[in-house]
Amino acid sequence: METNYCEPLIDYIQKSVKLTDEESAAIKKQCKEVVFPKGGFITQEGNYSRYAYFIVSGQARSYYIDDQGKTTTWLFHFNEPFSSPKNLFVADYKSFLTNGPGTLTIEALTDVTVIQWSFSDFEFLLEHVPVFGTWIRKLNESLFINIYDRTLTLMTMSAQQRYERMLNDEPHLCQMFSNYYVASYLSLAPQSLSRIKGAVNQGHLAMAV
């Protein structure tokens, strides 16, 4: 069976752990390539998230809608040299682990190619490929830090501080995604983001004079 499509995932795993040919083959055997069309949904709020995905190409976003009807982009998903684990992996992770209804909607912003695991695939690899479990532990540690920082940013920082932190940590988002989506990621209205951009740019100009 052709499994060359798994190479981006295998390459990523081997940045953290060393795989033998047999271990690589076992992981590849549990993987499936899936393509989601632009505008399609990878999962939706209320659905049971039965799969986790590794982004090979394309762009997606995960978002939630609060009880006031406000939409906040939780994460952006893409595979670029500057991607962090939160960008590369796509799932409503709580739903995936607990088999409960999900709280996130994940939308394909372009055609998106992913490598798919089911929960049973995941369990099989944890049981039969010990190094996979080592990698998952390291991945979970990285994801925990990513999500902790993301949550703390939304909870404790002012709108301008959130924007300035994004410019420092993730400046590529402004080039990759529309003003509307970036504003949603910062939990702002687009008009508010435009005002903050102007204020920050003016401040930088004043400092340079």
N, C-alpha and C. Protein backbone atom coordinates (compact mmCIF):
# COMPACT_ATOMS: atom_id res chain seq x y z
N MET A 1 0.84 -1.19 0.00
CA MET A 1 0.00 0.00 0.00
C MET A 1 0.88 1.25 0.00
N GLU A 2 0.53 2.21 -0.87
CA GLU A 2 1.32 3.43 -0.99
C GLU A 2 1.10 4.32 0.23
N THR A 3 2.18 4.70 0.89
CA THR A 3 2.05 5.53 2.10
C THR A 3 3.00 6.73 2.06
N ASN A 4 3.43 7.12 0.87
CA ASN A 4 4.36 8.25 0.78
C ASN A 4 3.75 9.53 1.32
N TYR A 5 2.43 9.63 1.28
CA TYR A 5 1.78 10.83 1.80
C TYR A 5 2.03 11.02 3.29
N CYS A 6 2.46 9.95 3.98
CA CYS A 6 2.72 10.04 5.42
C CYS A 6 4.07 10.67 5.75
N GLU A 7 4.93 10.84 4.74
CA GLU A 7 6.29 11.30 5.03
C GLU A 7 6.36 12.60 5.80
N PRO A 8 5.51 13.62 5.50
CA PRO A 8 5.59 14.85 6.31
C PRO A 8 5.37 14.60 7.81
N LEU A 9 4.46 13.69 8.12
CA LEU A 9 4.22 13.36 9.53
C LEU A 9 5.41 12.61 10.12
N ILE A 10 5.93 11.63 9.39
CA ILE A 10 7.08 10.88 9.89
C ILE A 10 8.26 11.81 10.11
N ASP A 11 8.49 12.72 9.18
CA ASP A 11 9.58 13.69 9.33
C ASP A 11 9.38 14.54 10.58
N TYR A 12 8.13 14.93 10.82
CA TYR A 12 7.86 15.76 12.00
C TYR A 12 8.09 14.97 13.29
N ILE A 13 7.61 13.74 13.33
CA ILE A 13 7.81 12.91 14.52
C ILE A 13 9.30 12.74 14.81
N GLN A 14 10.09 12.57 13.75
CA GLN A 14 11.52 12.30 13.95
C GLN A 14 12.31 13.54 14.36
N LYS A 15 11.67 14.68 14.43
CA LYS A 15 12.31 15.84 15.05
C LYS A 15 12.40 15.67 16.57
N SER A 16 11.54 14.80 17.10
CA SER A 16 11.49 14.59 18.56
C SER A 16 12.00 13.23 19.00
N VAL A 17 11.75 12.19 18.20
CA VAL A 17 12.17 10.84 18.56
C VAL A 17 12.71 10.15 17.31
N LYS A 18 13.58 9.17 17.51
CA LYS A 18 14.13 8.41 16.40
C LYS A 18 13.27 7.19 16.15
N LEU A 19 12.87 7.00 14.87
CA LEU A 19 12.05 5.86 14.49
C LEU A 19 12.87 4.86 13.68
N THR A 20 12.66 3.59 13.95
CA THR A 20 13.21 2.56 13.08
C THR A 20 12.32 2.45 11.84
N ASP A 21 12.80 1.74 10.84
CA ASP A 21 11.98 1.51 9.64
C ASP A 21 10.69 0.79 10.00
N GLU A 22 10.77 -0.15 10.92
CA GLU A 22 9.59 -0.91 11.33
C GLU A 22 8.59 -0.03 12.06
N GLU A 23 9.09 0.86 12.91
CA GLU A 23 8.19 1.77 13.63
C GLU A 23 7.53 2.75 12.67
N SER A 24 8.30 3.25 11.73
CA SER A 24 7.73 4.16 10.72
C SER A 24 6.64 3.45 9.93
N ALA A 25 6.90 2.21 9.54
CA ALA A 25 5.92 1.45 8.76
C ALA A 25 4.64 1.22 9.56
N ALA A 26 4.78 0.94 10.86
CA ALA A 26 3.61 0.71 11.70
C ALA A 26 2.76 1.97 11.82
N ILE A 27 3.42 3.12 11.97
CA ILE A 27 2.69 4.39 12.06
C ILE A 27 1.99 4.68 10.74
N LYS A 28 2.70 4.50 9.64
CA LYS A 28 2.11 4.76 8.33
C LYS A 28 0.87 3.89 8.08
N LYS A 29 0.92 2.67 8.57
CA LYS A 29 -0.19 1.73 8.33
C LYS A 29 -1.48 2.22 8.99
N GLN A 30 -1.37 3.00 10.06
CA GLN A 30 -2.55 3.48 10.79
C GLN A 30 -3.01 4.86 10.30
N CYS A 31 -2.36 5.38 9.28
CA CYS A 31 -2.67 6.73 8.80
C CYS A 31 -3.49 6.67 7.52
N LYS A 32 -4.27 7.69 7.31
CA LYS A 32 -5.08 7.82 6.09
C LYS A 32 -5.02 9.26 5.61
N GLU A 33 -4.86 9.45 4.31
CA GLU A 33 -4.86 10.80 3.74
C GLU A 33 -6.31 11.20 3.42
N VAL A 34 -6.67 12.42 3.83
CA VAL A 34 -8.01 12.95 3.59
C VAL A 34 -7.87 14.38 3.08
N VAL A 35 -8.74 14.78 2.17
CA VAL A 35 -8.75 16.16 1.67
C VAL A 35 -10.11 16.78 1.97
N PHE A 36 -10.09 17.94 2.62
CA PHE A 36 -11.31 18.70 2.87
C PHE A 36 -11.35 19.89 1.91
N PRO A 37 -12.46 20.10 1.20
CA PRO A 37 -12.52 21.21 0.25
C PRO A 37 -12.67 22.56 0.96
N LYS A 38 -12.25 23.59 0.29
CA LYS A 38 -12.40 24.95 0.82
C LYS A 38 -13.86 25.20 1.19
N GLY A 39 -14.05 25.75 2.39
CA GLY A 39 -15.40 26.03 2.87
C GLY A 39 -16.05 24.88 3.58
N GLY A 40 -15.44 23.70 3.53
CA GLY A 40 -15.99 22.54 4.23
C GLY A 40 -15.64 22.55 5.70
N PHE A 41 -16.29 21.69 6.45
CA PHE A 41 -16.05 21.60 7.89
C PHE A 41 -15.36 20.28 8.22
N ILE A 42 -14.27 20.39 8.95
CA ILE A 42 -13.55 19.21 9.42
C ILE A 42 -14.31 18.58 10.59
N THR A 43 -14.85 19.41 11.44
CA THR A 43 -15.80 18.99 12.48
C THR A 43 -16.61 20.21 12.85
N GLN A 44 -17.75 20.00 13.51
CA GLN A 44 -18.60 21.11 13.91
C GLN A 44 -19.02 20.97 15.37
N GLU A 45 -19.31 22.11 15.99
CA GLU A 45 -19.76 22.12 17.37
C GLU A 45 -20.93 21.15 17.57
N GLY A 46 -20.86 20.38 18.62
CA GLY A 46 -21.91 19.42 18.93
C GLY A 46 -21.68 18.04 18.34
N ASN A 47 -20.80 17.95 17.33
CA ASN A 47 -20.48 16.64 16.76
C ASN A 47 -19.51 15.88 17.66
N TYR A 48 -19.44 14.60 17.47
CA TYR A 48 -18.47 13.78 18.19
C TYR A 48 -17.21 13.69 17.33
N SER A 49 -16.11 14.17 17.87
CA SER A 49 -14.87 14.25 17.10
C SER A 49 -14.16 12.89 17.18
N ARG A 50 -14.28 12.11 16.13
CA ARG A 50 -13.75 10.75 16.13
C ARG A 50 -12.36 10.65 15.52
N TYR A 51 -11.85 11.77 15.03
CA TYR A 51 -10.56 11.75 14.36
C TYR A 51 -9.69 12.92 14.82
N ALA A 52 -8.38 12.69 14.74
CA ALA A 52 -7.39 13.77 14.90
C ALA A 52 -6.61 13.83 13.59
N TYR A 53 -6.10 15.02 13.27
CA TYR A 53 -5.48 15.25 11.97
C TYR A 53 -4.16 15.98 12.10
N PHE A 54 -3.25 15.65 11.20
CA PHE A 54 -2.01 16.39 11.01
C PHE A 54 -2.10 17.12 9.68
N ILE A 55 -1.90 18.43 9.71
CA ILE A 55 -2.00 19.23 8.49
C ILE A 55 -0.79 18.97 7.58
N VAL A 56 -1.06 18.62 6.34
CA VAL A 56 -0.01 18.48 5.33
C VAL A 56 0.08 19.76 4.51
N SER A 57 -1.07 20.26 4.07
CA SER A 57 -1.09 21.50 3.30
C SER A 57 -2.45 22.16 3.46
N GLY A 58 -2.49 23.46 3.16
CA GLY A 58 -3.74 24.20 3.26
C GLY A 58 -3.87 24.94 4.57
N GLN A 59 -4.98 25.66 4.70
CA GLN A 59 -5.23 26.49 5.87
C GLN A 59 -6.63 26.23 6.42
N ALA A 60 -6.73 26.19 7.74
CA ALA A 60 -8.01 26.00 8.41
C ALA A 60 -8.02 26.85 9.67
N ARG A 61 -9.19 26.99 10.26
CA ARG A 61 -9.28 27.64 11.56
C ARG A 61 -10.27 26.89 12.42
N SER A 62 -10.02 26.87 13.72
CA SER A 62 -10.98 26.35 14.68
C SER A 62 -11.57 27.54 15.43
N TYR A 63 -12.88 27.49 15.68
CA TYR A 63 -13.52 28.62 16.35
C TYR A 63 -14.66 28.13 17.24
N TYR A 64 -15.07 29.00 18.16
CA TYR A 64 -16.21 28.71 19.01
C TYR A 64 -17.12 29.94 19.04
N ILE A 65 -18.35 29.72 19.38
CA ILE A 65 -19.35 30.79 19.48
C ILE A 65 -19.86 30.82 20.91
N ASP A 66 -19.74 31.98 21.57
CA ASP A 66 -20.16 32.05 22.98
C ASP A 66 -21.67 32.25 23.07
N ASP A 67 -22.17 32.32 24.31
CA ASP A 67 -23.62 32.40 24.50
C ASP A 67 -24.21 33.73 24.09
N GLN A 68 -23.35 34.71 23.77
CA GLN A 68 -23.81 35.99 23.25
C GLN A 68 -23.78 36.02 21.72
N GLY A 69 -23.36 34.92 21.12
CA GLY A 69 -23.30 34.84 19.67
C GLY A 69 -22.00 35.35 19.07
N LYS A 70 -21.01 35.65 19.90
CA LYS A 70 -19.74 36.15 19.40
C LYS A 70 -18.85 34.98 18.96
N THR A 71 -18.27 35.10 17.77
CA THR A 71 -17.38 34.07 17.24
C THR A 71 -15.94 34.46 17.51
N THR A 72 -15.19 33.54 18.10
CA THR A 72 -13.76 33.75 18.35
C THR A 72 -12.98 32.64 17.67
N THR A 73 -12.02 33.04 16.84
CA THR A 73 -11.12 32.06 16.25
C THR A 73 -10.17 31.57 17.34
N TRP A 74 -10.21 30.29 17.63
CA TRP A 74 -9.38 29.72 18.69
C TRP A 74 -7.95 29.53 18.19
N LEU A 75 -7.81 28.85 17.04
CA LEU A 75 -6.49 28.61 16.48
C LEU A 75 -6.55 28.64 14.96
N PHE A 76 -5.41 28.96 14.35
CA PHE A 76 -5.23 28.77 12.91
C PHE A 76 -4.42 27.49 12.69
N HIS A 77 -4.69 26.82 11.58
CA HIS A 77 -4.02 25.54 11.29
C HIS A 77 -3.38 25.59 9.91
N PHE A 78 -2.09 25.30 9.84
CA PHE A 78 -1.34 25.34 8.59
C PHE A 78 0.01 24.67 8.83
N ASN A 79 0.66 24.27 7.75
CA ASN A 79 1.96 23.62 7.85
C ASN A 79 2.98 24.46 7.10
N GLU A 80 3.71 25.25 7.85
CA GLU A 80 4.79 26.10 7.33
C GLU A 80 6.00 25.92 8.24
N PRO A 81 7.19 26.35 7.80
CA PRO A 81 8.38 26.18 8.66
C PRO A 81 8.23 26.81 10.04
N PHE A 82 7.40 27.86 10.16
CA PHE A 82 7.24 28.54 11.44
C PHE A 82 6.04 28.03 12.23
N SER A 83 5.38 26.97 11.77
CA SER A 83 4.22 26.42 12.48
C SER A 83 4.62 25.83 13.82
N SER A 84 3.80 26.06 14.84
CA SER A 84 3.97 25.40 16.14
C SER A 84 3.02 24.20 16.19
N PRO A 85 3.14 23.35 17.19
CA PRO A 85 2.23 22.19 17.27
C PRO A 85 0.76 22.57 17.23
N LYS A 86 0.38 23.71 17.80
CA LYS A 86 -1.04 24.10 17.79
C LYS A 86 -1.53 24.37 16.38
N ASN A 87 -0.62 24.72 15.46
CA ASN A 87 -1.01 24.95 14.07
C ASN A 87 -1.08 23.65 13.28
N LEU A 88 -0.22 22.69 13.61
CA LEU A 88 -0.06 21.49 12.79
C LEU A 88 -1.11 20.43 13.05
N PHE A 89 -1.66 20.41 14.26
CA PHE A 89 -2.60 19.35 14.62
C PHE A 89 -4.01 19.92 14.77
N VAL A 90 -4.98 19.17 14.26
CA VAL A 90 -6.36 19.63 14.20
C VAL A 90 -7.26 18.59 14.86
N ALA A 91 -7.98 19.02 15.88
CA ALA A 91 -8.97 18.14 16.52
C ALA A 91 -9.70 18.94 17.58
N ASP A 92 -10.92 18.56 17.86
CA ASP A 92 -11.54 18.97 19.11
C ASP A 92 -11.05 17.93 20.12
N TYR A 93 -9.92 18.23 20.75
CA TYR A 93 -9.16 17.20 21.44
C TYR A 93 -9.93 16.61 22.62
N LYS A 94 -10.68 17.44 23.33
CA LYS A 94 -11.46 16.92 24.45
C LYS A 94 -12.51 15.93 23.95
N SER A 95 -13.19 16.27 22.87
CA SER A 95 -14.18 15.37 22.30
C SER A 95 -13.53 14.09 21.81
N PHE A 96 -12.36 14.21 21.20
CA PHE A 96 -11.64 13.05 20.68
C PHE A 96 -11.28 12.08 21.80
N LEU A 97 -10.84 12.61 22.94
CA LEU A 97 -10.40 11.75 24.03
C LEU A 97 -11.55 11.19 24.86
N THR A 98 -12.64 11.96 24.98
CA THR A 98 -13.73 11.56 25.88
C THR A 98 -14.92 10.96 25.14
N ASN A 99 -14.91 11.06 23.81
CA ASN A 99 -16.06 10.62 23.01
C ASN A 99 -17.33 11.37 23.40
N GLY A 100 -17.15 12.64 23.76
CA GLY A 100 -18.28 13.50 24.06
C GLY A 100 -18.49 14.52 22.96
N PRO A 101 -19.59 15.28 23.01
CA PRO A 101 -19.85 16.28 21.97
C PRO A 101 -18.80 17.38 21.99
N GLY A 102 -18.44 17.86 20.81
CA GLY A 102 -17.41 18.88 20.69
C GLY A 102 -17.93 20.28 20.92
N THR A 103 -17.01 21.19 21.22
CA THR A 103 -17.34 22.60 21.42
C THR A 103 -16.77 23.49 20.32
N LEU A 104 -15.93 22.92 19.46
CA LEU A 104 -15.28 23.70 18.39
C LEU A 104 -15.85 23.33 17.03
N THR A 105 -15.83 24.33 16.15
CA THR A 105 -16.05 24.09 14.73
C THR A 105 -14.72 24.34 14.02
N ILE A 106 -14.34 23.44 13.13
CA ILE A 106 -13.07 23.58 12.39
C ILE A 106 -13.40 23.66 10.92
N GLU A 107 -13.02 24.79 10.31
CA GLU A 107 -13.40 25.13 8.94
C GLU A 107 -12.18 25.16 8.04
N ALA A 108 -12.30 24.58 6.85
CA ALA A 108 -11.23 24.64 5.86
C ALA A 108 -11.31 25.98 5.13
N LEU A 109 -10.27 26.80 5.26
CA LEU A 109 -10.24 28.11 4.59
C LEU A 109 -9.73 27.99 3.15
N THR A 110 -9.01 26.92 2.87
CA THR A 110 -8.59 26.54 1.53
C THR A 110 -8.82 25.03 1.42
N ASP A 111 -8.54 24.45 0.28
CA ASP A 111 -8.47 22.99 0.25
C ASP A 111 -7.39 22.56 1.24
N VAL A 112 -7.72 21.59 2.08
CA VAL A 112 -6.81 21.16 3.15
C VAL A 112 -6.55 19.67 3.04
N THR A 113 -5.28 19.30 2.96
CA THR A 113 -4.88 17.89 2.97
C THR A 113 -4.35 17.54 4.35
N VAL A 114 -4.87 16.46 4.91
CA VAL A 114 -4.48 16.06 6.27
C VAL A 114 -4.16 14.58 6.30
N ILE A 115 -3.45 14.18 7.35
CA ILE A 115 -3.29 12.77 7.69
C ILE A 115 -4.19 12.50 8.88
N GLN A 116 -5.04 11.51 8.75
CA GLN A 116 -6.10 11.24 9.72
C GLN A 116 -5.77 10.01 10.58
N TRP A 117 -6.07 10.16 11.89
CA TRP A 117 -6.06 9.03 12.81
C TRP A 117 -7.44 8.89 13.44
N SER A 118 -7.91 7.68 13.58
CA SER A 118 -9.08 7.44 14.42
C SER A 118 -8.59 7.20 15.85
N PHE A 119 -9.50 7.18 16.80
CA PHE A 119 -9.11 6.92 18.18
C PHE A 119 -8.55 5.50 18.32
N SER A 120 -9.11 4.55 17.57
CA SER A 120 -8.59 3.18 17.64
C SER A 120 -7.18 3.10 17.04
N ASP A 121 -6.91 3.87 15.98
CA ASP A 121 -5.54 3.94 15.45
C ASP A 121 -4.58 4.44 16.52
N PHE A 122 -5.02 5.49 17.19
CA PHE A 122 -4.24 6.12 18.24
C PHE A 122 -3.92 5.11 19.35
N GLU A 123 -4.94 4.38 19.81
CA GLU A 123 -4.74 3.40 20.87
C GLU A 123 -3.82 2.27 20.42
N PHE A 124 -3.98 1.82 19.18
CA PHE A 124 -3.15 0.73 18.66
C PHE A 124 -1.68 1.14 18.69
N LEU A 125 -1.38 2.35 18.22
CA LEU A 125 0.00 2.80 18.18
C LEU A 125 0.58 2.98 19.58
N LEU A 126 -0.22 3.48 20.50
CA LEU A 126 0.26 3.62 21.88
C LEU A 126 0.62 2.25 22.48
N GLU A 127 -0.14 1.23 22.12
CA GLU A 127 0.08 -0.10 22.67
C GLU A 127 1.23 -0.83 21.99
N HIS A 128 1.38 -0.66 20.69
CA HIS A 128 2.30 -1.50 19.93
C HIS A 128 3.59 -0.80 19.49
N VAL A 129 3.61 0.52 19.59
CA VAL A 129 4.82 1.26 19.19
C VAL A 129 5.20 2.18 20.35
N PRO A 130 5.98 1.68 21.31
CA PRO A 130 6.29 2.48 22.51
C PRO A 130 6.86 3.86 22.21
N VAL A 131 7.68 3.99 21.18
CA VAL A 131 8.27 5.28 20.88
C VAL A 131 7.20 6.29 20.46
N PHE A 132 6.10 5.78 19.90
CA PHE A 132 4.98 6.66 19.56
C PHE A 132 4.41 7.30 20.83
N GLY A 133 4.31 6.51 21.90
CA GLY A 133 3.85 7.05 23.17
C GLY A 133 4.79 8.11 23.72
N THR A 134 6.10 7.89 23.54
CA THR A 134 7.08 8.90 23.97
C THR A 134 6.88 10.20 23.21
N TRP A 135 6.67 10.06 21.90
CA TRP A 135 6.44 11.26 21.09
C TRP A 135 5.14 11.97 21.49
N ILE A 136 4.08 11.21 21.73
CA ILE A 136 2.80 11.82 22.12
C ILE A 136 2.96 12.59 23.43
N ARG A 137 3.72 12.04 24.37
CA ARG A 137 3.93 12.75 25.64
C ARG A 137 4.62 14.09 25.39
N LYS A 138 5.66 14.08 24.56
CA LYS A 138 6.36 15.33 24.25
C LYS A 138 5.45 16.30 23.51
N LEU A 139 4.65 15.75 22.59
CA LEU A 139 3.72 16.61 21.85
C LEU A 139 2.69 17.23 22.78
N ASN A 140 2.15 16.42 23.68
CA ASN A 140 1.16 16.95 24.62
C ASN A 140 1.74 18.04 25.51
N GLU A 141 3.00 17.89 25.90
CA GLU A 141 3.64 18.93 26.70
C GLU A 141 3.71 20.24 25.91
N SER A 142 4.11 20.15 24.64
CA SER A 142 4.19 21.35 23.80
C SER A 142 2.81 21.97 23.59
N LEU A 143 1.81 21.11 23.33
CA LEU A 143 0.46 21.62 23.11
C LEU A 143 -0.10 22.26 24.37
N PHE A 144 0.19 21.66 25.52
CA PHE A 144 -0.28 22.25 26.77
C PHE A 144 0.27 23.66 26.96
N ILE A 145 1.55 23.83 26.69
CA ILE A 145 2.16 25.16 26.82
C ILE A 145 1.54 26.13 25.83
N ASN A 146 1.37 25.69 24.58
CA ASN A 146 0.73 26.53 23.56
C ASN A 146 -0.66 26.99 24.00
N ILE A 147 -1.47 26.03 24.46
CA ILE A 147 -2.85 26.35 24.82
C ILE A 147 -2.91 27.16 26.11
N TYR A 148 -2.02 26.88 27.05
CA TYR A 148 -1.96 27.67 28.27
C TYR A 148 -1.67 29.13 27.94
N ASP A 149 -0.67 29.35 27.09
CA ASP A 149 -0.33 30.72 26.71
C ASP A 149 -1.47 31.39 25.97
N ARG A 150 -2.12 30.65 25.09
CA ARG A 150 -3.25 31.20 24.33
C ARG A 150 -4.38 31.62 25.27
N THR A 151 -4.73 30.75 26.21
CA THR A 151 -5.81 31.05 27.15
C THR A 151 -5.45 32.24 28.02
N LEU A 152 -4.22 32.28 28.52
CA LEU A 152 -3.79 33.38 29.39
C LEU A 152 -3.81 34.71 28.63
N THR A 153 -3.43 34.68 27.37
CA THR A 153 -3.46 35.89 26.55
C THR A 153 -4.88 36.44 26.46
N LEU A 154 -5.84 35.58 26.17
CA LEU A 154 -7.22 36.03 26.03
C LEU A 154 -7.81 36.50 27.36
N MET A 155 -7.38 35.88 28.45
CA MET A 155 -8.00 36.18 29.75
C MET A 155 -7.40 37.40 30.44
N THR A 156 -6.12 37.67 30.23
CA THR A 156 -5.44 38.65 31.07
C THR A 156 -4.91 39.88 30.35
N MET A 157 -4.82 39.85 29.02
CA MET A 157 -4.20 40.96 28.30
C MET A 157 -5.25 41.89 27.71
N SER A 158 -4.89 43.17 27.64
CA SER A 158 -5.75 44.14 26.96
C SER A 158 -5.73 43.87 25.46
N ALA A 159 -6.64 44.51 24.74
CA ALA A 159 -6.71 44.32 23.29
C ALA A 159 -5.39 44.68 22.62
N GLN A 160 -4.80 45.80 23.02
CA GLN A 160 -3.54 46.20 22.40
C GLN A 160 -2.42 45.24 22.77
N GLN A 161 -2.41 44.78 24.00
CA GLN A 161 -1.39 43.82 24.41
C GLN A 161 -1.51 42.51 23.62
N ARG A 162 -2.74 42.09 23.36
CA ARG A 162 -2.93 40.87 22.57
C ARG A 162 -2.39 41.06 21.16
N TYR A 163 -2.65 42.22 20.58
CA TYR A 163 -2.16 42.50 19.23
C TYR A 163 -0.63 42.55 19.21
N GLU A 164 -0.05 43.23 20.19
CA GLU A 164 1.41 43.35 20.21
C GLU A 164 2.07 41.99 20.46
N ARG A 165 1.44 41.16 21.27
CA ARG A 165 2.00 39.83 21.49
C ARG A 165 1.94 39.01 20.20
N MET A 166 0.84 39.12 19.46
CA MET A 166 0.75 38.40 18.19
C MET A 166 1.84 38.88 17.23
N LEU A 167 2.07 40.19 17.17
CA LEU A 167 3.13 40.72 16.30
C LEU A 167 4.50 40.16 16.69
N ASN A 168 4.70 39.96 17.98
CA ASN A 168 5.98 39.46 18.46
C ASN A 168 6.13 37.95 18.23
N ASP A 169 5.05 37.20 18.51
CA ASP A 169 5.14 35.74 18.49
C ASP A 169 4.70 35.11 17.17
N GLU A 170 3.72 35.73 16.51
CA GLU A 170 3.13 35.14 15.31
C GLU A 170 2.88 36.20 14.23
N PRO A 171 3.88 36.96 13.84
CA PRO A 171 3.67 38.05 12.88
C PRO A 171 3.16 37.56 11.53
N HIS A 172 3.45 36.30 11.19
CA HIS A 172 3.02 35.74 9.90
C HIS A 172 1.51 35.68 9.76
N LEU A 173 0.77 35.66 10.86
CA LEU A 173 -0.68 35.56 10.77
C LEU A 173 -1.29 36.74 10.01
N CYS A 174 -0.69 37.91 10.16
CA CYS A 174 -1.21 39.10 9.47
C CYS A 174 -1.08 38.98 7.96
N GLN A 175 -0.06 38.26 7.50
CA GLN A 175 0.13 38.09 6.06
C GLN A 175 -0.68 36.90 5.52
N MET A 176 -0.96 35.94 6.37
CA MET A 176 -1.61 34.71 5.91
C MET A 176 -3.14 34.80 5.91
N PHE A 177 -3.69 35.59 6.83
CA PHE A 177 -5.14 35.57 7.03
C PHE A 177 -5.72 36.97 6.96
N SER A 178 -7.00 37.03 6.66
CA SER A 178 -7.68 38.32 6.49
C SER A 178 -7.77 39.07 7.81
N ASN A 179 -7.99 40.37 7.70
CA ASN A 179 -8.16 41.22 8.88
C ASN A 179 -9.31 40.70 9.74
N TYR A 180 -10.35 40.21 9.09
CA TYR A 180 -11.52 39.70 9.82
C TYR A 180 -11.13 38.51 10.70
N TYR A 181 -10.38 37.56 10.14
CA TYR A 181 -10.00 36.38 10.90
C TYR A 181 -8.99 36.72 11.99
N VAL A 182 -8.04 37.61 11.69
CA VAL A 182 -7.06 38.01 12.70
C VAL A 182 -7.76 38.71 13.86
N ALA A 183 -8.72 39.59 13.54
CA ALA A 183 -9.48 40.27 14.60
C ALA A 183 -10.21 39.24 15.46
N SER A 184 -10.81 38.24 14.83
CA SER A 184 -11.51 37.20 15.57
C SER A 184 -10.57 36.42 16.46
N TYR A 185 -9.35 36.18 15.99
CA TYR A 185 -8.33 35.48 16.77
C TYR A 185 -7.95 36.28 18.02
N LEU A 186 -7.98 37.60 17.89
CA LEU A 186 -7.65 38.48 19.02
C LEU A 186 -8.87 38.83 19.86
N SER A 187 -10.02 38.23 19.51
CA SER A 187 -11.29 38.50 20.19
C SER A 187 -11.66 39.98 20.09
N LEU A 188 -11.54 40.51 18.88
CA LEU A 188 -11.83 41.92 18.60
C LEU A 188 -12.77 42.03 17.42
N ALA A 189 -13.48 43.17 17.34
CA ALA A 189 -14.17 43.52 16.11
C ALA A 189 -13.14 44.02 15.10
N PRO A 190 -13.35 43.82 13.80
CA PRO A 190 -12.38 44.29 12.81
C PRO A 190 -12.08 45.79 12.92
N GLN A 191 -13.10 46.58 13.25
CA GLN A 191 -12.88 48.02 13.39
C GLN A 191 -11.93 48.32 14.56
N SER A 192 -12.08 47.57 15.64
CA SER A 192 -11.21 47.77 16.80
C SER A 192 -9.77 47.41 16.45
N LEU A 193 -9.60 46.32 15.69
CA LEU A 193 -8.25 45.94 15.28
C LEU A 193 -7.62 47.03 14.42
N SER A 194 -8.38 47.63 13.51
CA SER A 194 -7.85 48.69 12.67
C SER A 194 -7.40 49.88 13.51
N ARG A 195 -8.18 50.24 14.53
CA ARG A 195 -7.79 51.35 15.41
C ARG A 195 -6.51 51.03 16.17
N ILE A 196 -6.41 49.80 16.67
CA ILE A 196 -5.22 49.40 17.43
C ILE A 196 -4.00 49.39 16.53
N LYS A 197 -4.15 48.88 15.31
CA LYS A 197 -3.04 48.91 14.36
C LYS A 197 -2.55 50.32 14.15
N GLY A 198 -3.49 51.25 13.95
CA GLY A 198 -3.11 52.64 13.74
C GLY A 198 -2.38 53.21 14.94
N ALA A 199 -2.89 52.93 16.15
CA ALA A 199 -2.26 53.46 17.36
C ALA A 199 -0.86 52.89 17.55
N VAL A 200 -0.72 51.58 17.31
CA VAL A 200 0.59 50.95 17.47
C VAL A 200 1.57 51.49 16.44
N ASN A 201 1.12 51.61 15.19
CA ASN A 201 2.00 52.12 14.15
C ASN A 201 2.43 53.56 14.42
N GLN A 202 1.51 54.38 14.92
CA GLN A 202 1.85 55.75 15.27
C GLN A 202 2.86 55.79 16.41
N GLY A 203 2.68 54.90 17.38
CA GLY A 203 3.62 54.84 18.49
C GLY A 203 5.01 54.45 18.04
N HIS A 204 5.10 53.50 17.14
CA HIS A 204 6.40 53.09 16.63
C HIS A 204 7.05 54.20 15.83
N LEU A 205 6.22 54.94 15.05
CA LEU A 205 6.75 56.04 14.27
C LEU A 205 7.28 57.14 15.18
N ALA A 206 6.52 57.44 16.26
CA ALA A 206 6.96 58.48 17.19
C ALA A 206 8.27 58.11 17.85
N MET A 207 8.43 56.82 18.18
CA MET A 207 9.67 56.37 18.82
C MET A 207 10.85 56.48 17.88
N ALA A 208 10.58 56.34 16.56
CA ALA A 208 11.67 56.38 15.59
C ALA A 208 12.11 57.80 15.26
N VAL A 209 11.25 58.78 15.51
CA VAL A 209 11.57 60.18 15.16
C VAL A 209 12.57 60.75 16.16
